[in-house]
Amino acid sequence: DEAMEAQNLAESARERAAAAEAAATRSEQGRREMMERLRHLELIVCGAPRSATPSREEQGLWPTRRQRRQRGGSDYVPAAGTQAPAQESSQERRA
């Protein structure tokens, strides 16, 4: 009787393992399809797939937002060749 119960448990475990494997496969296929859709949309919007090109931050050319914050800077980075807007005093605003 115990042997039969052990056999039933083993069969149940095999079925659950097969179901988990099938779910993982579907999930991976879904992820691949989403990446293909993303690249397609990027191609339409940007003219080139952005996800295939590492960002300047990823290439290490620019510090990441986290690195800027850790150094006491802000998330704001002025565009190249420009300066951050000057802060006016409250008196200047009233005038």
PDB file of N, CA and C in Angstrom:
ATOM      1  N   ASP A   1       0.826  -1.203   0.000  1.00  0.00           N
ATOM      2  CA  ASP A   1       0.000   0.000   0.000  1.00  0.00           C
ATOM      3  C   ASP A   1       0.867   1.263   0.000  1.00  0.00           C
ATOM      4  N   GLU A   2       1.949   1.250   0.805  1.00  0.00           N
ATOM      5  CA  GLU A   2       2.863   2.405   0.824  1.00  0.00           C
ATOM      6  C   GLU A   2       3.581   2.564  -0.516  1.00  0.00           C
ATOM      7  N   ALA A   3       3.897   1.433  -1.140  1.00  0.00           N
ATOM      8  CA  ALA A   3       4.566   1.487  -2.442  1.00  0.00           C
ATOM      9  C   ALA A   3       3.645   2.137  -3.473  1.00  0.00           C
ATOM     10  N   MET A   4       2.362   1.806  -3.397  1.00  0.00           N
ATOM     11  CA  MET A   4       1.388   2.381  -4.324  1.00  0.00           C
ATOM     12  C   MET A   4       1.273   3.893  -4.093  1.00  0.00           C
ATOM     13  N   GLU A   5       1.247   4.299  -2.814  1.00  0.00           N
ATOM     14  CA  GLU A   5       1.154   5.722  -2.486  1.00  0.00           C
ATOM     15  C   GLU A   5       2.395   6.474  -2.969  1.00  0.00           C
ATOM     16  N   ALA A   6       3.566   5.868  -2.792  1.00  0.00           N
ATOM     17  CA  ALA A   6       4.813   6.485  -3.257  1.00  0.00           C
ATOM     18  C   ALA A   6       4.802   6.626  -4.772  1.00  0.00           C
ATOM     19  N   GLN A   7       4.272   5.604  -5.451  1.00  0.00           N
ATOM     20  CA  GLN A   7       4.200   5.652  -6.912  1.00  0.00           C
ATOM     21  C   GLN A   7       3.257   6.778  -7.358  1.00  0.00           C
ATOM     22  N   ASN A   8       2.130   6.922  -6.670  1.00  0.00           N
ATOM     23  CA  ASN A   8       1.180   7.992  -7.001  1.00  0.00           C
ATOM     24  C   ASN A   8       1.799   9.371  -6.771  1.00  0.00           C
ATOM     25  N   LEU A   9       2.536   9.509  -5.655  1.00  0.00           N
ATOM     26  CA  LEU A   9       3.204  10.781  -5.373  1.00  0.00           C
ATOM     27  C   LEU A   9       4.242  11.105  -6.444  1.00  0.00           C
ATOM     28  N   ALA A  10       5.008  10.095  -6.856  1.00  0.00           N
ATOM     29  CA  ALA A  10       6.034  10.309  -7.877  1.00  0.00           C
ATOM     30  C   ALA A  10       5.390  10.722  -9.201  1.00  0.00           C
ATOM     31  N   GLU A  11       4.295  10.073  -9.546  1.00  0.00           N
ATOM     32  CA  GLU A  11       3.596  10.407 -10.793  1.00  0.00           C
ATOM     33  C   GLU A  11       3.060  11.841 -10.733  1.00  0.00           C
ATOM     34  N   SER A  12       2.485  12.207  -9.598  1.00  0.00           N
ATOM     35  CA  SER A  12       1.965  13.561  -9.419  1.00  0.00           C
ATOM     36  C   SER A  12       3.092  14.588  -9.531  1.00  0.00           C
ATOM     37  N   ALA A  13       4.237  14.288  -8.929  1.00  0.00           N
ATOM     38  CA  ALA A  13       5.384  15.199  -8.994  1.00  0.00           C
ATOM     39  C   ALA A  13       5.868  15.347 -10.432  1.00  0.00           C
ATOM     40  N   ARG A  14       5.889  14.236 -11.182  1.00  0.00           N
ATOM     41  CA  ARG A  14       6.314  14.302 -12.590  1.00  0.00           C
ATOM     42  C   ARG A  14       5.363  15.182 -13.398  1.00  0.00           C
ATOM     43  N   GLU A  15       4.059  15.023 -13.144  1.00  0.00           N
ATOM     44  CA  GLU A  15       3.071  15.825 -13.869  1.00  0.00           C
ATOM     45  C   GLU A  15       3.235  17.313 -13.555  1.00  0.00           C
ATOM     46  N   ARG A  16       3.454  17.620 -12.271  1.00  0.00           N
ATOM     47  CA  ARG A  16       3.642  19.026 -11.896  1.00  0.00           C
ATOM     48  C   ARG A  16       4.930  19.591 -12.479  1.00  0.00           C
ATOM     49  N   ALA A  17       5.985  18.775 -12.515  1.00  0.00           N
ATOM     50  CA  ALA A  17       7.247  19.234 -13.102  1.00  0.00           C
ATOM     51  C   ALA A  17       7.065  19.509 -14.595  1.00  0.00           C
ATOM     52  N   ALA A  18       6.330  18.628 -15.275  1.00  0.00           N
ATOM     53  CA  ALA A  18       6.079  18.826 -16.705  1.00  0.00           C
ATOM     54  C   ALA A  18       5.246  20.090 -16.930  1.00  0.00           C
ATOM     55  N   ALA A  19       4.258  20.328 -16.069  1.00  0.00           N
ATOM     56  CA  ALA A  19       3.428  21.530 -16.200  1.00  0.00           C
ATOM     57  C   ALA A  19       4.265  22.786 -15.953  1.00  0.00           C
ATOM     58  N   ALA A  20       5.158  22.736 -14.964  1.00  0.00           N
ATOM     59  CA  ALA A  20       6.022  23.888 -14.682  1.00  0.00           C
ATOM     60  C   ALA A  20       6.963  24.150 -15.849  1.00  0.00           C
ATOM     61  N   GLU A  21       7.493  23.089 -16.430  1.00  0.00           N
ATOM     62  CA  GLU A  21       8.386  23.229 -17.590  1.00  0.00           C
ATOM     63  C   GLU A  21       7.641  23.864 -18.766  1.00  0.00           C
ATOM     64  N   ALA A  22       6.407  23.410 -18.999  1.00  0.00           N
ATOM     65  CA  ALA A  22       5.605  23.970 -20.094  1.00  0.00           C
ATOM     66  C   ALA A  22       5.311  25.449 -19.841  1.00  0.00           C
ATOM     67  N   ALA A  23       4.998  25.797 -18.591  1.00  0.00           N
ATOM     68  CA  ALA A  23       4.720  27.200 -18.260  1.00  0.00           C
ATOM     69  C   ALA A  23       5.962  28.057 -18.464  1.00  0.00           C
ATOM     70  N   ALA A  24       7.125  27.538 -18.069  1.00  0.00           N
ATOM     71  CA  ALA A  24       8.372  28.290 -18.245  1.00  0.00           C
ATOM     72  C   ALA A  24       8.667  28.498 -19.727  1.00  0.00           C
ATOM     73  N   THR A  25       8.403  27.481 -20.526  1.00  0.00           N
ATOM     74  CA  THR A  25       8.627  27.590 -21.972  1.00  0.00           C
ATOM     75  C   THR A  25       7.707  28.655 -22.570  1.00  0.00           C
ATOM     76  N   ARG A  26       6.420  28.631 -22.162  1.00  0.00           N
ATOM     77  CA  ARG A  26       5.477  29.649 -22.663  1.00  0.00           C
ATOM     78  C   ARG A  26       5.916  31.042 -22.236  1.00  0.00           C
ATOM     79  N   SER A  27       6.381  31.154 -20.998  1.00  0.00           N
ATOM     80  CA  SER A  27       6.822  32.453 -20.492  1.00  0.00           C
ATOM     81  C   SER A  27       8.013  32.968 -21.297  1.00  0.00           C
ATOM     82  N   GLU A  28       8.963  32.099 -21.581  1.00  0.00           N
ATOM     83  CA  GLU A  28      10.146  32.492 -22.361  1.00  0.00           C
ATOM     84  C   GLU A  28       9.736  32.882 -23.779  1.00  0.00           C
ATOM     85  N   GLN A  29       8.815  32.132 -24.368  1.00  0.00           N
ATOM     86  CA  GLN A  29       8.339  32.481 -25.711  1.00  0.00           C
ATOM     87  C   GLN A  29       7.654  33.843 -25.690  1.00  0.00           C
ATOM     88  N   GLY A  30       6.855  34.091 -24.656  1.00  0.00           N
ATOM     89  CA  GLY A  30       6.185  35.381 -24.529  1.00  0.00           C
ATOM     90  C   GLY A  30       7.182  36.513 -24.391  1.00  0.00           C
ATOM     91  N   ARG A  31       8.241  36.288 -23.606  1.00  0.00           N
ATOM     92  CA  ARG A  31       9.276  37.311 -23.431  1.00  0.00           C
ATOM     93  C   ARG A  31       9.959  37.612 -24.761  1.00  0.00           C
ATOM     94  N   ARG A  32      10.272  36.563 -25.524  1.00  0.00           N
ATOM     95  CA  ARG A  32      10.909  36.768 -26.835  1.00  0.00           C
ATOM     96  C   ARG A  32      10.000  37.546 -27.776  1.00  0.00           C
ATOM     97  N   GLU A  33       8.706  37.192 -27.769  1.00  0.00           N
ATOM     98  CA  GLU A  33       7.758  37.903 -28.630  1.00  0.00           C
ATOM     99  C   GLU A  33       7.663  39.376 -28.240  1.00  0.00           C
ATOM    100  N   MET A  34       7.657  39.655 -26.940  1.00  0.00           N
ATOM    101  CA  MET A  34       7.599  41.051 -26.487  1.00  0.00           C
ATOM    102  C   MET A  34       8.843  41.815 -26.933  1.00  0.00           C
ATOM    103  N   MET A  35      10.014  41.191 -26.853  1.00  0.00           N
ATOM    104  CA  MET A  35      11.242  41.856 -27.299  1.00  0.00           C
ATOM    105  C   MET A  35      11.192  42.125 -28.806  1.00  0.00           C
ATOM    106  N   GLU A  36      10.648  41.170 -29.565  1.00  0.00           N
ATOM    107  CA  GLU A  36      10.518  41.389 -31.009  1.00  0.00           C
ATOM    108  C   GLU A  36       9.576  42.562 -31.285  1.00  0.00           C
ATOM    109  N   ARG A  37       8.452  42.623 -30.549  1.00  0.00           N
ATOM    110  CA  ARG A  37       7.517  43.743 -30.725  1.00  0.00           C
ATOM    111  C   ARG A  37       8.176  45.061 -30.356  1.00  0.00           C
ATOM    112  N   LEU A  38       8.929  45.056 -29.255  1.00  0.00           N
ATOM    113  CA  LEU A  38       9.619  46.274 -28.829  1.00  0.00           C
ATOM    114  C   LEU A  38      10.574  46.749 -29.916  1.00  0.00           C
ATOM    115  N   ARG A  39      11.379  45.848 -30.456  1.00  0.00           N
ATOM    116  CA  ARG A  39      12.325  46.232 -31.509  1.00  0.00           C
ATOM    117  C   ARG A  39      11.587  46.755 -32.737  1.00  0.00           C
ATOM    118  N   HIS A  40      10.460  46.117 -33.067  1.00  0.00           N
ATOM    119  CA  HIS A  40       9.675  46.569 -34.216  1.00  0.00           C
ATOM    120  C   HIS A  40       9.163  47.992 -33.986  1.00  0.00           C
ATOM    121  N   LEU A  41       8.615  48.249 -32.789  1.00  0.00           N
ATOM    122  CA  LEU A  41       8.110  49.592 -32.488  1.00  0.00           C
ATOM    123  C   LEU A  41       9.242  50.612 -32.454  1.00  0.00           C
ATOM    124  N   GLU A  42      10.383  50.224 -31.900  1.00  0.00           N
ATOM    125  CA  GLU A  42      11.532  51.140 -31.871  1.00  0.00           C
ATOM    126  C   GLU A  42      11.974  51.478 -33.281  1.00  0.00           C
ATOM    127  N   LEU A  43      11.938  50.487 -34.165  1.00  0.00           N
ATOM    128  CA  LEU A  43      12.321  50.706 -35.556  1.00  0.00           C
ATOM    129  C   LEU A  43      11.382  51.723 -36.199  1.00  0.00           C
ATOM    130  N   ILE A  44      10.087  51.581 -35.916  1.00  0.00           N
ATOM    131  CA  ILE A  44       9.100  52.508 -36.475  1.00  0.00           C
ATOM    132  C   ILE A  44       9.298  53.912 -35.903  1.00  0.00           C
ATOM    133  N   VAL A  45       9.457  54.006 -34.586  1.00  0.00           N
ATOM    134  CA  VAL A  45       9.506  55.307 -33.916  1.00  0.00           C
ATOM    135  C   VAL A  45      10.868  55.974 -34.056  1.00  0.00           C
ATOM    136  N   CYS A  46      11.931  55.219 -33.837  1.00  0.00           N
ATOM    137  CA  CYS A  46      13.281  55.805 -33.783  1.00  0.00           C
ATOM    138  C   CYS A  46      14.060  55.639 -35.085  1.00  0.00           C
ATOM    139  N   GLY A  47      13.595  54.785 -35.962  1.00  0.00           N
ATOM    140  CA  GLY A  47      14.337  54.520 -37.184  1.00  0.00           C
ATOM    141  C   GLY A  47      15.425  53.479 -37.000  1.00  0.00           C
ATOM    142  N   ALA A  48      15.651  53.057 -35.771  1.00  0.00           N
ATOM    143  CA  ALA A  48      16.639  52.015 -35.476  1.00  0.00           C
ATOM    144  C   ALA A  48      16.266  51.403 -34.139  1.00  0.00           C
ATOM    145  N   PRO A  49      16.543  50.126 -33.966  1.00  0.00           N
ATOM    146  CA  PRO A  49      16.212  49.518 -32.674  1.00  0.00           C
ATOM    147  C   PRO A  49      17.099  50.062 -31.565  1.00  0.00           C
ATOM    148  N   ARG A  50      16.510  50.829 -30.634  1.00  0.00           N
ATOM    149  CA  ARG A  50      17.281  51.419 -29.534  1.00  0.00           C
ATOM    150  C   ARG A  50      17.797  50.348 -28.580  1.00  0.00           C
ATOM    151  N   SER A  51      17.002  49.298 -28.359  1.00  0.00           N
ATOM    152  CA  SER A  51      17.394  48.301 -27.365  1.00  0.00           C
ATOM    153  C   SER A  51      18.656  47.559 -27.788  1.00  0.00           C
ATOM    154  N   ALA A  52      18.958  47.574 -29.098  1.00  0.00           N
ATOM    155  CA  ALA A  52      20.166  46.902 -29.571  1.00  0.00           C
ATOM    156  C   ALA A  52      21.399  47.770 -29.361  1.00  0.00           C
ATOM    157  N   THR A  53      21.188  49.074 -29.139  1.00  0.00           N
ATOM    158  CA  THR A  53      22.305  50.002 -28.951  1.00  0.00           C
ATOM    159  C   THR A  53      22.393  50.386 -27.485  1.00  0.00           C
ATOM    160  N   PRO A  54      23.505  50.084 -26.825  1.00  0.00           N
ATOM    161  CA  PRO A  54      23.606  50.468 -25.413  1.00  0.00           C
ATOM    162  C   PRO A  54      23.554  51.983 -25.258  1.00  0.00           C
ATOM    163  N   SER A  55      22.921  52.442 -24.197  1.00  0.00           N
ATOM    164  CA  SER A  55      22.839  53.880 -23.942  1.00  0.00           C
ATOM    165  C   SER A  55      24.215  54.412 -23.578  1.00  0.00           C
ATOM    166  N   ARG A  56      24.332  55.745 -23.567  1.00  0.00           N
ATOM    167  CA  ARG A  56      25.619  56.343 -23.173  1.00  0.00           C
ATOM    168  C   ARG A  56      25.968  55.961 -21.746  1.00  0.00           C
ATOM    169  N   GLU A  57      24.929  55.870 -20.894  1.00  0.00           N
ATOM    170  CA  GLU A  57      25.181  55.438 -19.515  1.00  0.00           C
ATOM    171  C   GLU A  57      25.694  54.006 -19.498  1.00  0.00           C
ATOM    172  N   GLU A  58      25.030  53.123 -20.288  1.00  0.00           N
ATOM    173  CA  GLU A  58      25.441  51.716 -20.325  1.00  0.00           C
ATOM    174  C   GLU A  58      26.850  51.571 -20.886  1.00  0.00           C
ATOM    175  N   GLN A  59      27.226  52.433 -21.817  1.00  0.00           N
ATOM    176  CA  GLN A  59      28.571  52.369 -22.384  1.00  0.00           C
ATOM    177  C   GLN A  59      29.608  52.941 -21.431  1.00  0.00           C
ATOM    178  N   GLY A  60      29.146  53.566 -20.353  1.00  0.00           N
ATOM    179  CA  GLY A  60      30.072  54.145 -19.386  1.00  0.00           C
ATOM    180  C   GLY A  60      30.529  55.543 -19.755  1.00  0.00           C
ATOM    181  N   LEU A  61      29.907  56.140 -20.785  1.00  0.00           N
ATOM    182  CA  LEU A  61      30.303  57.481 -21.210  1.00  0.00           C
ATOM    183  C   LEU A  61      29.709  58.544 -20.298  1.00  0.00           C
ATOM    184  N   TRP A  62      28.543  58.261 -19.726  1.00  0.00           N
ATOM    185  CA  TRP A  62      27.899  59.185 -18.802  1.00  0.00           C
ATOM    186  C   TRP A  62      27.692  58.465 -17.488  1.00  0.00           C
ATOM    187  N   PRO A  63      27.781  59.181 -16.382  1.00  0.00           N
ATOM    188  CA  PRO A  63      27.453  58.528 -15.109  1.00  0.00           C
ATOM    189  C   PRO A  63      25.957  58.227 -15.057  1.00  0.00           C
ATOM    190  N   THR A  64      25.603  57.174 -14.366  1.00  0.00           N
ATOM    191  CA  THR A  64      24.184  56.853 -14.232  1.00  0.00           C
ATOM    192  C   THR A  64      23.541  57.824 -13.258  1.00  0.00           C
ATOM    193  N   ARG A  65      22.217  57.871 -13.255  1.00  0.00           N
ATOM    194  CA  ARG A  65      21.501  58.765 -12.333  1.00  0.00           C
ATOM    195  C   ARG A  65      21.882  58.439 -10.897  1.00  0.00           C
ATOM    196  N   ARG A  66      21.987  57.148 -10.597  1.00  0.00           N
ATOM    197  CA  ARG A  66      22.350  56.757  -9.230  1.00  0.00           C
ATOM    198  C   ARG A  66      23.735  57.292  -8.875  1.00  0.00           C
ATOM    199  N   GLN A  67      24.694  57.176  -9.817  1.00  0.00           N
ATOM    200  CA  GLN A  67      26.050  57.676  -9.545  1.00  0.00           C
ATOM    201  C   GLN A  67      26.030  59.181  -9.326  1.00  0.00           C
ATOM    202  N   ARG A  68      25.232  59.918 -10.127  1.00  0.00           N
ATOM    203  CA  ARG A  68      25.164  61.373  -9.953  1.00  0.00           C
ATOM    204  C   ARG A  68      24.592  61.724  -8.584  1.00  0.00           C
ATOM    205  N   ARG A  69      23.531  61.006  -8.185  1.00  0.00           N
ATOM    206  CA  ARG A  69      22.935  61.272  -6.871  1.00  0.00           C
ATOM    207  C   ARG A  69      23.925  60.961  -5.754  1.00  0.00           C
ATOM    208  N   GLN A  70      24.674  59.855  -5.873  1.00  0.00           N
ATOM    209  CA  GLN A  70      25.630  59.476  -4.835  1.00  0.00           C
ATOM    210  C   GLN A  70      26.730  60.519  -4.701  1.00  0.00           C
ATOM    211  N   ARG A  71      27.042  61.194  -5.790  1.00  0.00           N
ATOM    212  CA  ARG A  71      28.090  62.226  -5.752  1.00  0.00           C
ATOM    213  C   ARG A  71      27.529  63.572  -5.313  1.00  0.00           C
ATOM    214  N   GLY A  72      26.263  63.599  -4.945  1.00  0.00           N
ATOM    215  CA  GLY A  72      25.676  64.845  -4.472  1.00  0.00           C
ATOM    216  C   GLY A  72      25.066  65.679  -5.574  1.00  0.00           C
ATOM    217  N   GLY A  73      25.070  65.177  -6.799  1.00  0.00           N
ATOM    218  CA  GLY A  73      24.462  65.906  -7.906  1.00  0.00           C
ATOM    219  C   GLY A  73      22.978  65.605  -7.973  1.00  0.00           C
ATOM    220  N   SER A  74      22.332  66.144  -8.993  1.00  0.00           N
ATOM    221  CA  SER A  74      20.904  65.880  -9.155  1.00  0.00           C
ATOM    222  C   SER A  74      20.717  64.957 -10.351  1.00  0.00           C
ATOM    223  N   ASP A  75      19.475  64.538 -10.550  1.00  0.00           N
ATOM    224  CA  ASP A  75      19.149  63.726 -11.722  1.00  0.00           C
ATOM    225  C   ASP A  75      19.216  64.560 -12.993  1.00  0.00           C
ATOM    226  N   TYR A  76      19.094  65.885 -12.837  1.00  0.00           N
ATOM    227  CA  TYR A  76      19.041  66.770 -13.995  1.00  0.00           C
ATOM    228  C   TYR A  76      20.424  66.926 -14.604  1.00  0.00           C
ATOM    229  N   VAL A  77      20.505  66.708 -15.890  1.00  0.00           N
ATOM    230  CA  VAL A  77      21.763  66.933 -16.603  1.00  0.00           C
ATOM    231  C   VAL A  77      21.442  67.855 -17.765  1.00  0.00           C
ATOM    232  N   PRO A  78      22.075  69.041 -17.835  1.00  0.00           N
ATOM    233  CA  PRO A  78      21.784  69.930 -18.961  1.00  0.00           C
ATOM    234  C   PRO A  78      22.241  69.302 -20.274  1.00  0.00           C
ATOM    235  N   ALA A  79      21.560  69.640 -21.344  1.00  0.00           N
ATOM    236  CA  ALA A  79      21.952  69.146 -22.658  1.00  0.00           C
ATOM    237  C   ALA A  79      23.336  69.679 -22.993  1.00  0.00           C
ATOM    238  N   ALA A  80      24.040  68.964 -23.840  1.00  0.00           N
ATOM    239  CA  ALA A  80      25.401  69.365 -24.204  1.00  0.00           C
ATOM    240  C   ALA A  80      25.392  70.781 -24.762  1.00  0.00           C
ATOM    241  N   GLY A  81      26.330  71.604 -24.314  1.00  0.00           N
ATOM    242  CA  GLY A  81      26.460  72.960 -24.825  1.00  0.00           C
ATOM    243  C   GLY A  81      25.496  73.954 -24.208  1.00  0.00           C
ATOM    244  N   THR A  82      24.741  73.526 -23.205  1.00  0.00           N
ATOM    245  CA  THR A  82      23.824  74.460 -22.547  1.00  0.00           C
ATOM    246  C   THR A  82      24.180  74.545 -21.075  1.00  0.00           C
ATOM    247  N   GLN A  83      23.591  75.527 -20.422  1.00  0.00           N
ATOM    248  CA  GLN A  83      23.816  75.671 -18.986  1.00  0.00           C
ATOM    249  C   GLN A  83      22.505  75.453 -18.260  1.00  0.00           C
ATOM    250  N   ALA A  84      22.604  75.061 -17.003  1.00  0.00           N
ATOM    251  CA  ALA A  84      21.405  74.910 -16.190  1.00  0.00           C
ATOM    252  C   ALA A  84      20.756  76.280 -16.045  1.00  0.00           C
ATOM    253  N   PRO A  85      19.437  76.338 -15.986  1.00  0.00           N
ATOM    254  CA  PRO A  85      18.774  77.635 -15.841  1.00  0.00           C
ATOM    255  C   PRO A  85      19.206  78.303 -14.540  1.00  0.00           C
ATOM    256  N   ALA A  86      19.454  79.614 -14.618  1.00  0.00           N
ATOM    257  CA  ALA A  86      19.885  80.361 -13.432  1.00  0.00           C
ATOM    258  C   ALA A  86      18.708  80.479 -12.478  1.00  0.00           C
ATOM    259  N   GLN A  87      18.967  80.312 -11.214  1.00  0.00           N
ATOM    260  CA  GLN A  87      17.917  80.451 -10.200  1.00  0.00           C
ATOM    261  C   GLN A  87      17.723  81.929  -9.901  1.00  0.00           C
ATOM    262  N   GLU A  88      16.498  82.415 -10.062  1.00  0.00           N
ATOM    263  CA  GLU A  88      16.268  83.817  -9.731  1.00  0.00           C
ATOM    264  C   GLU A  88      15.911  83.904  -8.255  1.00  0.00           C
ATOM    265  N   SER A  89      16.232  85.026  -7.671  1.00  0.00           N
ATOM    266  CA  SER A  89      15.874  85.210  -6.264  1.00  0.00           C
ATOM    267  C   SER A  89      14.396  85.545  -6.177  1.00  0.00           C
ATOM    268  N   SER A  90      13.822  85.404  -4.995  1.00  0.00           N
ATOM    269  CA  SER A  90      12.402  85.720  -4.826  1.00  0.00           C
ATOM    270  C   SER A  90      12.146  87.201  -5.110  1.00  0.00           C
ATOM    271  N   GLN A  91      13.134  88.076  -4.834  1.00  0.00           N
ATOM    272  CA  GLN A  91      12.958  89.507  -5.105  1.00  0.00           C
ATOM    273  C   GLN A  91      12.895  89.760  -6.608  1.00  0.00           C
ATOM    274  N   GLU A  92      13.711  89.049  -7.382  1.00  0.00           N
ATOM    275  CA  GLU A  92      13.680  89.239  -8.837  1.00  0.00           C
ATOM    276  C   GLU A  92      12.337  88.797  -9.405  1.00  0.00           C
ATOM    277  N   ARG A  93      11.766  87.726  -8.846  1.00  0.00           N
ATOM    278  CA  ARG A  93      10.492  87.239  -9.337  1.00  0.00           C
ATOM    279  C   ARG A  93       9.382  88.256  -9.109  1.00  0.00           C
ATOM    280  N   ARG A  94       9.437  88.987  -7.985  1.00  0.00           N
ATOM    281  CA  ARG A  94       8.392  89.961  -7.658  1.00  0.00           C
ATOM    282  C   ARG A  94       8.439  91.181  -8.565  1.00  0.00           C
ATOM    283  N   ALA A  95       9.601  91.543  -9.033  1.00  0.00           N
ATOM    284  CA  ALA A  95       9.778  92.788  -9.803  1.00  0.00           C
ATOM    285  C   ALA A  95       9.047  92.723 -11.131  1.00  0.00           C
TER     286      ALA A  95
END
